[in-house]
């Protein structure tokens, strides 16, 4: 495991602001909720380069709450970025949805006793009803046929101070990922890291 530098300039207000950007307001309305914060966040990430094999992970710890959002080209998990056309592709799409909704993409220090309390999948292809009718869908799919997705997860940790590591098991489930860039905000500071299949563990403190 590789330790990454922690910058001791984390403020609670900043944590709450970023948590809001990660879509925690959607969780407040249940797993099927949708908010304008979500649309803004999606727009920000889709403005970045659409690179196959790469993804982005944002993590915020606030009190007992732990919020994680995964952004990625659909290619990384599905192998294509359009509506499924064959029975085999439809079966694969359903399997991908099940894996993204499963509770095995992240593993935490056992002592922290973290349990998932909510999740949401935003995708025009995998979950067409995840966006409201007022949303601008142009930032989800572009003219070149590219399509991204966002998966958000909420956890509650009974012993948040004992959270030492987060094992990102996305690589195990989806071989299309070659690298995931992480931006994390914890009570003791910010962490930036590049994770790979061979180095998939984020050291929190």
C-alpha atoms as a PDB file:
ATOM      1  CA  UNK A   1       0.000   0.000   0.000  1.00  0.00           C
ATOM      2  CA  UNK A   2       1.213   3.486  -0.770  1.00  0.00           C
ATOM      3  CA  UNK A   3       0.551   6.419   1.498  1.00  0.00           C
ATOM      4  CA  UNK A   4      -0.425   9.713  -0.080  1.00  0.00           C
ATOM      5  CA  UNK A   5       0.213  13.195   1.252  1.00  0.00           C
ATOM      6  CA  UNK A   6      -2.518  14.693   3.413  1.00  0.00           C
ATOM      7  CA  UNK A   7      -3.002  18.454   3.431  1.00  0.00           C
ATOM      8  CA  UNK A   8      -4.161  19.713   6.855  1.00  0.00           C
ATOM      9  CA  UNK A   9      -6.528  22.408   5.551  1.00  0.00           C
ATOM     10  CA  UNK A  10      -9.857  20.662   5.639  1.00  0.00           C
ATOM     11  CA  UNK A  11     -12.788  22.651   6.988  1.00  0.00           C
ATOM     12  CA  UNK A  12     -16.176  21.255   7.952  1.00  0.00           C
ATOM     13  CA  UNK A  13     -17.967  23.781   5.727  1.00  0.00           C
ATOM     14  CA  UNK A  14     -15.886  22.661   2.754  1.00  0.00           C
ATOM     15  CA  UNK A  15     -16.759  19.061   3.517  1.00  0.00           C
ATOM     16  CA  UNK A  16     -20.441  19.828   3.624  1.00  0.00           C
ATOM     17  CA  UNK A  17     -20.237  21.779   0.362  1.00  0.00           C
ATOM     18  CA  UNK A  18     -18.493  18.960  -1.462  1.00  0.00           C
ATOM     19  CA  UNK A  19     -20.847  16.418   0.054  1.00  0.00           C
ATOM     20  CA  UNK A  20     -23.690  18.415  -1.440  1.00  0.00           C
ATOM     21  CA  UNK A  21     -21.971  18.348  -4.836  1.00  0.00           C
ATOM     22  CA  UNK A  22     -21.692  14.580  -4.589  1.00  0.00           C
ATOM     23  CA  UNK A  23     -25.461  14.381  -4.515  1.00  0.00           C
ATOM     24  CA  UNK A  24     -26.211  13.741  -0.834  1.00  0.00           C
ATOM     25  CA  UNK A  25     -29.373  15.780  -1.263  1.00  0.00           C
ATOM     26  CA  UNK A  26     -30.564  13.062  -3.621  1.00  0.00           C
ATOM     27  CA  UNK A  27     -30.166  10.524  -0.826  1.00  0.00           C
ATOM     28  CA  UNK A  28     -32.334  12.707   1.376  1.00  0.00           C
ATOM     29  CA  UNK A  29     -35.175  12.082  -1.082  1.00  0.00           C
ATOM     30  CA  UNK A  30     -34.553   8.354  -1.307  1.00  0.00           C
ATOM     31  CA  UNK A  31     -32.622   6.246  -3.798  1.00  0.00           C
ATOM     32  CA  UNK A  32     -34.671   7.525  -6.711  1.00  0.00           C
ATOM     33  CA  UNK A  33     -34.245  11.211  -5.907  1.00  0.00           C
ATOM     34  CA  UNK A  34     -32.588  13.679  -8.247  1.00  0.00           C
ATOM     35  CA  UNK A  35     -31.324  17.176  -7.615  1.00  0.00           C
ATOM     36  CA  UNK A  36     -29.908  20.172  -9.451  1.00  0.00           C
ATOM     37  CA  UNK A  37     -26.623  19.548  -7.607  1.00  0.00           C
ATOM     38  CA  UNK A  38     -26.453  16.226  -9.428  1.00  0.00           C
ATOM     39  CA  UNK A  39     -26.874  17.893 -12.817  1.00  0.00           C
ATOM     40  CA  UNK A  40     -24.156  20.445 -12.017  1.00  0.00           C
ATOM     41  CA  UNK A  41     -21.777  17.722 -10.881  1.00  0.00           C
ATOM     42  CA  UNK A  42     -22.415  15.617 -13.986  1.00  0.00           C
ATOM     43  CA  UNK A  43     -21.789  18.660 -16.193  1.00  0.00           C
ATOM     44  CA  UNK A  44     -18.492  19.350 -14.474  1.00  0.00           C
ATOM     45  CA  UNK A  45     -17.249  15.807 -14.987  1.00  0.00           C
ATOM     46  CA  UNK A  46     -18.473  15.438 -18.536  1.00  0.00           C
ATOM     47  CA  UNK A  47     -16.593  18.614 -19.449  1.00  0.00           C
ATOM     48  CA  UNK A  48     -13.414  16.654 -18.684  1.00  0.00           C
ATOM     49  CA  UNK A  49     -11.760  14.362 -21.205  1.00  0.00           C
ATOM     50  CA  UNK A  50     -13.661  11.182 -21.949  1.00  0.00           C
ATOM     51  CA  UNK A  51     -10.858   8.622 -21.679  1.00  0.00           C
ATOM     52  CA  UNK A  52     -11.539   4.915 -21.918  1.00  0.00           C
ATOM     53  CA  UNK A  53      -9.840   2.909 -19.189  1.00  0.00           C
ATOM     54  CA  UNK A  54      -9.897   5.808 -16.748  1.00  0.00           C
ATOM     55  CA  UNK A  55     -12.371   6.898 -14.093  1.00  0.00           C
ATOM     56  CA  UNK A  56     -12.734   9.404 -11.285  1.00  0.00           C
ATOM     57  CA  UNK A  57     -13.594   8.768  -7.664  1.00  0.00           C
ATOM     58  CA  UNK A  58     -14.667  11.434  -5.177  1.00  0.00           C
ATOM     59  CA  UNK A  59     -14.836  10.613  -1.477  1.00  0.00           C
ATOM     60  CA  UNK A  60     -16.059  12.783   1.388  1.00  0.00           C
ATOM     61  CA  UNK A  61     -16.159  11.795   5.041  1.00  0.00           C
ATOM     62  CA  UNK A  62     -18.347  13.978   7.245  1.00  0.00           C
ATOM     63  CA  UNK A  63     -18.937  12.793  10.781  1.00  0.00           C
ATOM     64  CA  UNK A  64     -20.346   9.270  10.558  1.00  0.00           C
ATOM     65  CA  UNK A  65     -21.232   9.761   6.899  1.00  0.00           C
ATOM     66  CA  UNK A  66     -19.047   8.579   4.045  1.00  0.00           C
ATOM     67  CA  UNK A  67     -20.008   9.587   0.500  1.00  0.00           C
ATOM     68  CA  UNK A  68     -18.439   8.091  -2.632  1.00  0.00           C
ATOM     69  CA  UNK A  69     -19.096   8.935  -6.282  1.00  0.00           C
ATOM     70  CA  UNK A  70     -17.621   7.045  -9.235  1.00  0.00           C
ATOM     71  CA  UNK A  71     -17.529   8.715 -12.672  1.00  0.00           C
ATOM     72  CA  UNK A  72     -16.529   6.769 -15.776  1.00  0.00           C
ATOM     73  CA  UNK A  73     -17.030   6.248 -19.486  1.00  0.00           C
ATOM     74  CA  UNK A  74     -19.605   3.513 -19.992  1.00  0.00           C
ATOM     75  CA  UNK A  75     -17.047   1.644 -22.096  1.00  0.00           C
ATOM     76  CA  UNK A  76     -15.133   0.720 -18.936  1.00  0.00           C
ATOM     77  CA  UNK A  77     -17.946  -1.395 -17.531  1.00  0.00           C
ATOM     78  CA  UNK A  78     -20.091  -2.326 -20.523  1.00  0.00           C
ATOM     79  CA  UNK A  79     -17.693  -2.539 -23.425  1.00  0.00           C
ATOM     80  CA  UNK A  80     -19.824  -0.206 -25.571  1.00  0.00           C
ATOM     81  CA  UNK A  81     -21.564   3.166 -25.162  1.00  0.00           C
ATOM     82  CA  UNK A  82     -24.946   2.767 -26.856  1.00  0.00           C
ATOM     83  CA  UNK A  83     -28.232   1.025 -26.233  1.00  0.00           C
ATOM     84  CA  UNK A  84     -27.878  -2.792 -26.107  1.00  0.00           C
ATOM     85  CA  UNK A  85     -28.924  -4.298 -29.436  1.00  0.00           C
ATOM     86  CA  UNK A  86     -28.772  -8.040 -28.898  1.00  0.00           C
ATOM     87  CA  UNK A  87     -29.997 -10.383 -26.180  1.00  0.00           C
ATOM     88  CA  UNK A  88     -26.406 -10.978 -25.104  1.00  0.00           C
ATOM     89  CA  UNK A  89     -25.771  -7.228 -24.777  1.00  0.00           C
ATOM     90  CA  UNK A  90     -28.970  -6.759 -22.780  1.00  0.00           C
ATOM     91  CA  UNK A  91     -27.936  -9.560 -20.424  1.00  0.00           C
ATOM     92  CA  UNK A  92     -24.520  -7.941 -20.015  1.00  0.00           C
ATOM     93  CA  UNK A  93     -26.101  -4.552 -19.279  1.00  0.00           C
ATOM     94  CA  UNK A  94     -28.285  -6.092 -16.563  1.00  0.00           C
ATOM     95  CA  UNK A  95     -25.229  -7.775 -15.059  1.00  0.00           C
ATOM     96  CA  UNK A  96     -23.317  -4.475 -15.037  1.00  0.00           C
ATOM     97  CA  UNK A  97     -26.216  -2.750 -13.271  1.00  0.00           C
ATOM     98  CA  UNK A  98     -26.291  -5.518 -10.657  1.00  0.00           C
ATOM     99  CA  UNK A  99     -22.556  -5.208 -10.053  1.00  0.00           C
ATOM    100  CA  UNK A 100     -22.711  -1.421  -9.733  1.00  0.00           C
ATOM    101  CA  UNK A 101     -25.567  -1.719  -7.259  1.00  0.00           C
ATOM    102  CA  UNK A 102     -23.927  -4.528  -5.298  1.00  0.00           C
ATOM    103  CA  UNK A 103     -22.261  -3.902  -1.970  1.00  0.00           C
ATOM    104  CA  UNK A 104     -18.827  -5.150  -2.954  1.00  0.00           C
ATOM    105  CA  UNK A 105     -17.101  -2.340  -4.839  1.00  0.00           C
ATOM    106  CA  UNK A 106     -15.505  -0.833  -1.728  1.00  0.00           C
ATOM    107  CA  UNK A 107     -14.057  -2.410   1.405  1.00  0.00           C
ATOM    108  CA  UNK A 108     -13.234  -0.445   4.542  1.00  0.00           C
ATOM    109  CA  UNK A 109     -11.205  -0.963   7.693  1.00  0.00           C
ATOM    110  CA  UNK A 110     -13.307  -3.476   9.675  1.00  0.00           C
ATOM    111  CA  UNK A 111     -12.850  -1.440  12.855  1.00  0.00           C
ATOM    112  CA  UNK A 112     -14.693   1.501  11.288  1.00  0.00           C
ATOM    113  CA  UNK A 113     -17.873  -0.602  10.979  1.00  0.00           C
ATOM    114  CA  UNK A 114     -19.107   1.081   7.786  1.00  0.00           C
ATOM    115  CA  UNK A 115     -22.423   0.005   6.308  1.00  0.00           C
ATOM    116  CA  UNK A 116     -24.031   1.199   3.099  1.00  0.00           C
ATOM    117  CA  UNK A 117     -27.210   3.211   3.571  1.00  0.00           C
ATOM    118  CA  UNK A 118     -27.956   4.389   0.024  1.00  0.00           C
ATOM    119  CA  UNK A 119     -26.901   4.221  -3.605  1.00  0.00           C
ATOM    120  CA  UNK A 120     -27.872   5.672  -6.976  1.00  0.00           C
ATOM    121  CA  UNK A 121     -26.903   4.963 -10.578  1.00  0.00           C
ATOM    122  CA  UNK A 122     -27.111   7.775 -13.128  1.00  0.00           C
ATOM    123  CA  UNK A 123     -26.875   6.621 -16.744  1.00  0.00           C
ATOM    124  CA  UNK A 124     -28.871   7.222 -19.904  1.00  0.00           C
ATOM    125  CA  UNK A 125     -28.100   3.673 -21.028  1.00  0.00           C
ATOM    126  CA  UNK A 126     -28.074   1.620 -17.830  1.00  0.00           C
ATOM    127  CA  UNK A 127     -30.742   3.547 -15.930  1.00  0.00           C
ATOM    128  CA  UNK A 128     -32.763   5.734 -18.349  1.00  0.00           C
ATOM    129  CA  UNK A 129     -35.181   6.927 -15.660  1.00  0.00           C
ATOM    130  CA  UNK A 130     -32.458   8.255 -13.355  1.00  0.00           C
ATOM    131  CA  UNK A 131     -32.817  11.808 -14.699  1.00  0.00           C
ATOM    132  CA  UNK A 132     -35.766  14.136 -14.423  1.00  0.00           C
ATOM    133  CA  UNK A 133     -37.566  15.535 -17.490  1.00  0.00           C
ATOM    134  CA  UNK A 134     -36.154  19.028 -16.876  1.00  0.00           C
ATOM    135  CA  UNK A 135     -32.526  17.872 -17.052  1.00  0.00           C
ATOM    136  CA  UNK A 136     -30.273  18.723 -19.975  1.00  0.00           C
ATOM    137  CA  UNK A 137     -29.382  15.284 -21.314  1.00  0.00           C
ATOM    138  CA  UNK A 138     -26.775  16.645 -23.706  1.00  0.00           C
ATOM    139  CA  UNK A 139     -24.144  16.500 -21.015  1.00  0.00           C
ATOM    140  CA  UNK A 140     -24.660  12.751 -20.599  1.00  0.00           C
ATOM    141  CA  UNK A 141     -24.140  11.704 -24.240  1.00  0.00           C
ATOM    142  CA  UNK A 142     -22.241  13.642 -26.894  1.00  0.00           C
ATOM    143  CA  UNK A 143     -22.378  13.815 -30.673  1.00  0.00           C
ATOM    144  CA  UNK A 144     -19.562  11.280 -31.003  1.00  0.00           C
ATOM    145  CA  UNK A 145     -21.588   8.589 -29.293  1.00  0.00           C
ATOM    146  CA  UNK A 146     -19.719   8.784 -25.997  1.00  0.00           C
ATOM    147  CA  UNK A 147     -21.656   8.026 -22.840  1.00  0.00           C
ATOM    148  CA  UNK A 148     -20.651   8.342 -19.192  1.00  0.00           C
ATOM    149  CA  UNK A 149     -22.205   7.127 -15.975  1.00  0.00           C
ATOM    150  CA  UNK A 150     -22.102   8.107 -12.345  1.00  0.00           C
ATOM    151  CA  UNK A 151     -22.615   5.752  -9.413  1.00  0.00           C
ATOM    152  CA  UNK A 152     -23.053   7.285  -5.956  1.00  0.00           C
ATOM    153  CA  UNK A 153     -22.902   5.481  -2.635  1.00  0.00           C
ATOM    154  CA  UNK A 154     -23.594   6.556   0.927  1.00  0.00           C
ATOM    155  CA  UNK A 155     -22.204   4.765   3.978  1.00  0.00           C
ATOM    156  CA  UNK A 156     -22.521   5.238   7.713  1.00  0.00           C
ATOM    157  CA  UNK A 157     -19.537   4.347   9.894  1.00  0.00           C
ATOM    158  CA  UNK A 158     -20.071   3.650  13.590  1.00  0.00           C
ATOM    159  CA  UNK A 159     -16.388   4.326  14.296  1.00  0.00           C
ATOM    160  CA  UNK A 160     -15.349   6.847  11.613  1.00  0.00           C
ATOM    161  CA  UNK A 161     -12.070   7.715  13.362  1.00  0.00           C
ATOM    162  CA  UNK A 162     -10.950   4.115  12.819  1.00  0.00           C
ATOM    163  CA  UNK A 163     -11.262   4.328   9.035  1.00  0.00           C
ATOM    164  CA  UNK A 164      -7.672   3.792   7.900  1.00  0.00           C
ATOM    165  CA  UNK A 165      -7.941   2.326   4.411  1.00  0.00           C
ATOM    166  CA  UNK A 166     -10.443   2.021   1.584  1.00  0.00           C
ATOM    167  CA  UNK A 167      -9.921  -0.834  -0.837  1.00  0.00           C
ATOM    168  CA  UNK A 168     -11.368   0.092  -4.231  1.00  0.00           C
ATOM    169  CA  UNK A 169     -12.506  -3.214  -5.720  1.00  0.00           C
ATOM    170  CA  UNK A 170     -13.915  -1.678  -8.881  1.00  0.00           C
ATOM    171  CA  UNK A 171     -10.904  -3.077 -10.727  1.00  0.00           C
ATOM    172  CA  UNK A 172     -11.809  -6.622  -9.693  1.00  0.00           C
ATOM    173  CA  UNK A 173     -15.337  -6.360 -11.043  1.00  0.00           C
ATOM    174  CA  UNK A 174     -14.586  -4.380 -14.211  1.00  0.00           C
ATOM    175  CA  UNK A 175     -11.407  -5.170 -16.138  1.00  0.00           C
ATOM    176  CA  UNK A 176     -11.959  -2.124 -18.359  1.00  0.00           C
ATOM    177  CA  UNK A 177     -10.528   0.159 -15.681  1.00  0.00           C
ATOM    178  CA  UNK A 178      -6.808   0.850 -15.953  1.00  0.00           C
ATOM    179  CA  UNK A 179      -6.632   3.858 -13.630  1.00  0.00           C
ATOM    180  CA  UNK A 180      -8.920   5.723 -11.251  1.00  0.00           C
ATOM    181  CA  UNK A 181      -8.055   9.229 -10.110  1.00  0.00           C
ATOM    182  CA  UNK A 182      -9.145   9.875  -6.523  1.00  0.00           C
ATOM    183  CA  UNK A 183      -9.949  13.164  -4.825  1.00  0.00           C
ATOM    184  CA  UNK A 184     -10.877  12.660  -1.187  1.00  0.00           C
ATOM    185  CA  UNK A 185     -11.742  14.931   1.702  1.00  0.00           C
ATOM    186  CA  UNK A 186     -11.361  13.592   5.229  1.00  0.00           C
ATOM    187  CA  UNK A 187     -11.476  15.357   8.623  1.00  0.00           C
ATOM    188  CA  UNK A 188      -7.664  15.509   8.711  1.00  0.00           C
ATOM    189  CA  UNK A 189      -7.206  16.800   5.204  1.00  0.00           C
ATOM    190  CA  UNK A 190      -7.374  16.198   1.468  1.00  0.00           C
ATOM    191  CA  UNK A 191      -5.939  13.228  -0.397  1.00  0.00           C
ATOM    192  CA  UNK A 192      -5.193  12.846  -4.081  1.00  0.00           C
ATOM    193  CA  UNK A 193      -4.209   9.489  -5.539  1.00  0.00           C
ATOM    194  CA  UNK A 194      -4.016   7.466  -8.736  1.00  0.00           C
ATOM    195  CA  UNK A 195      -5.211   3.907  -8.211  1.00  0.00           C
ATOM    196  CA  UNK A 196      -4.531   0.971 -10.512  1.00  0.00           C
ATOM    197  CA  UNK A 197      -5.423  -2.742 -10.497  1.00  0.00           C
ATOM    198  CA  UNK A 198      -2.091  -3.460  -8.772  1.00  0.00           C
ATOM    199  CA  UNK A 199      -2.422  -0.584  -6.306  1.00  0.00           C
ATOM    200  CA  UNK A 200      -6.078  -0.284  -5.440  1.00  0.00           C
ATOM    201  CA  UNK A 201      -5.971   0.664  -1.763  1.00  0.00           C
ATOM    202  CA  UNK A 202      -6.332   4.248  -0.570  1.00  0.00           C
ATOM    203  CA  UNK A 203      -4.631   4.963   2.766  1.00  0.00           C
ATOM    204  CA  UNK A 204      -6.807   7.422   4.684  1.00  0.00           C
ATOM    205  CA  UNK A 205      -4.421   8.271   7.537  1.00  0.00           C
END
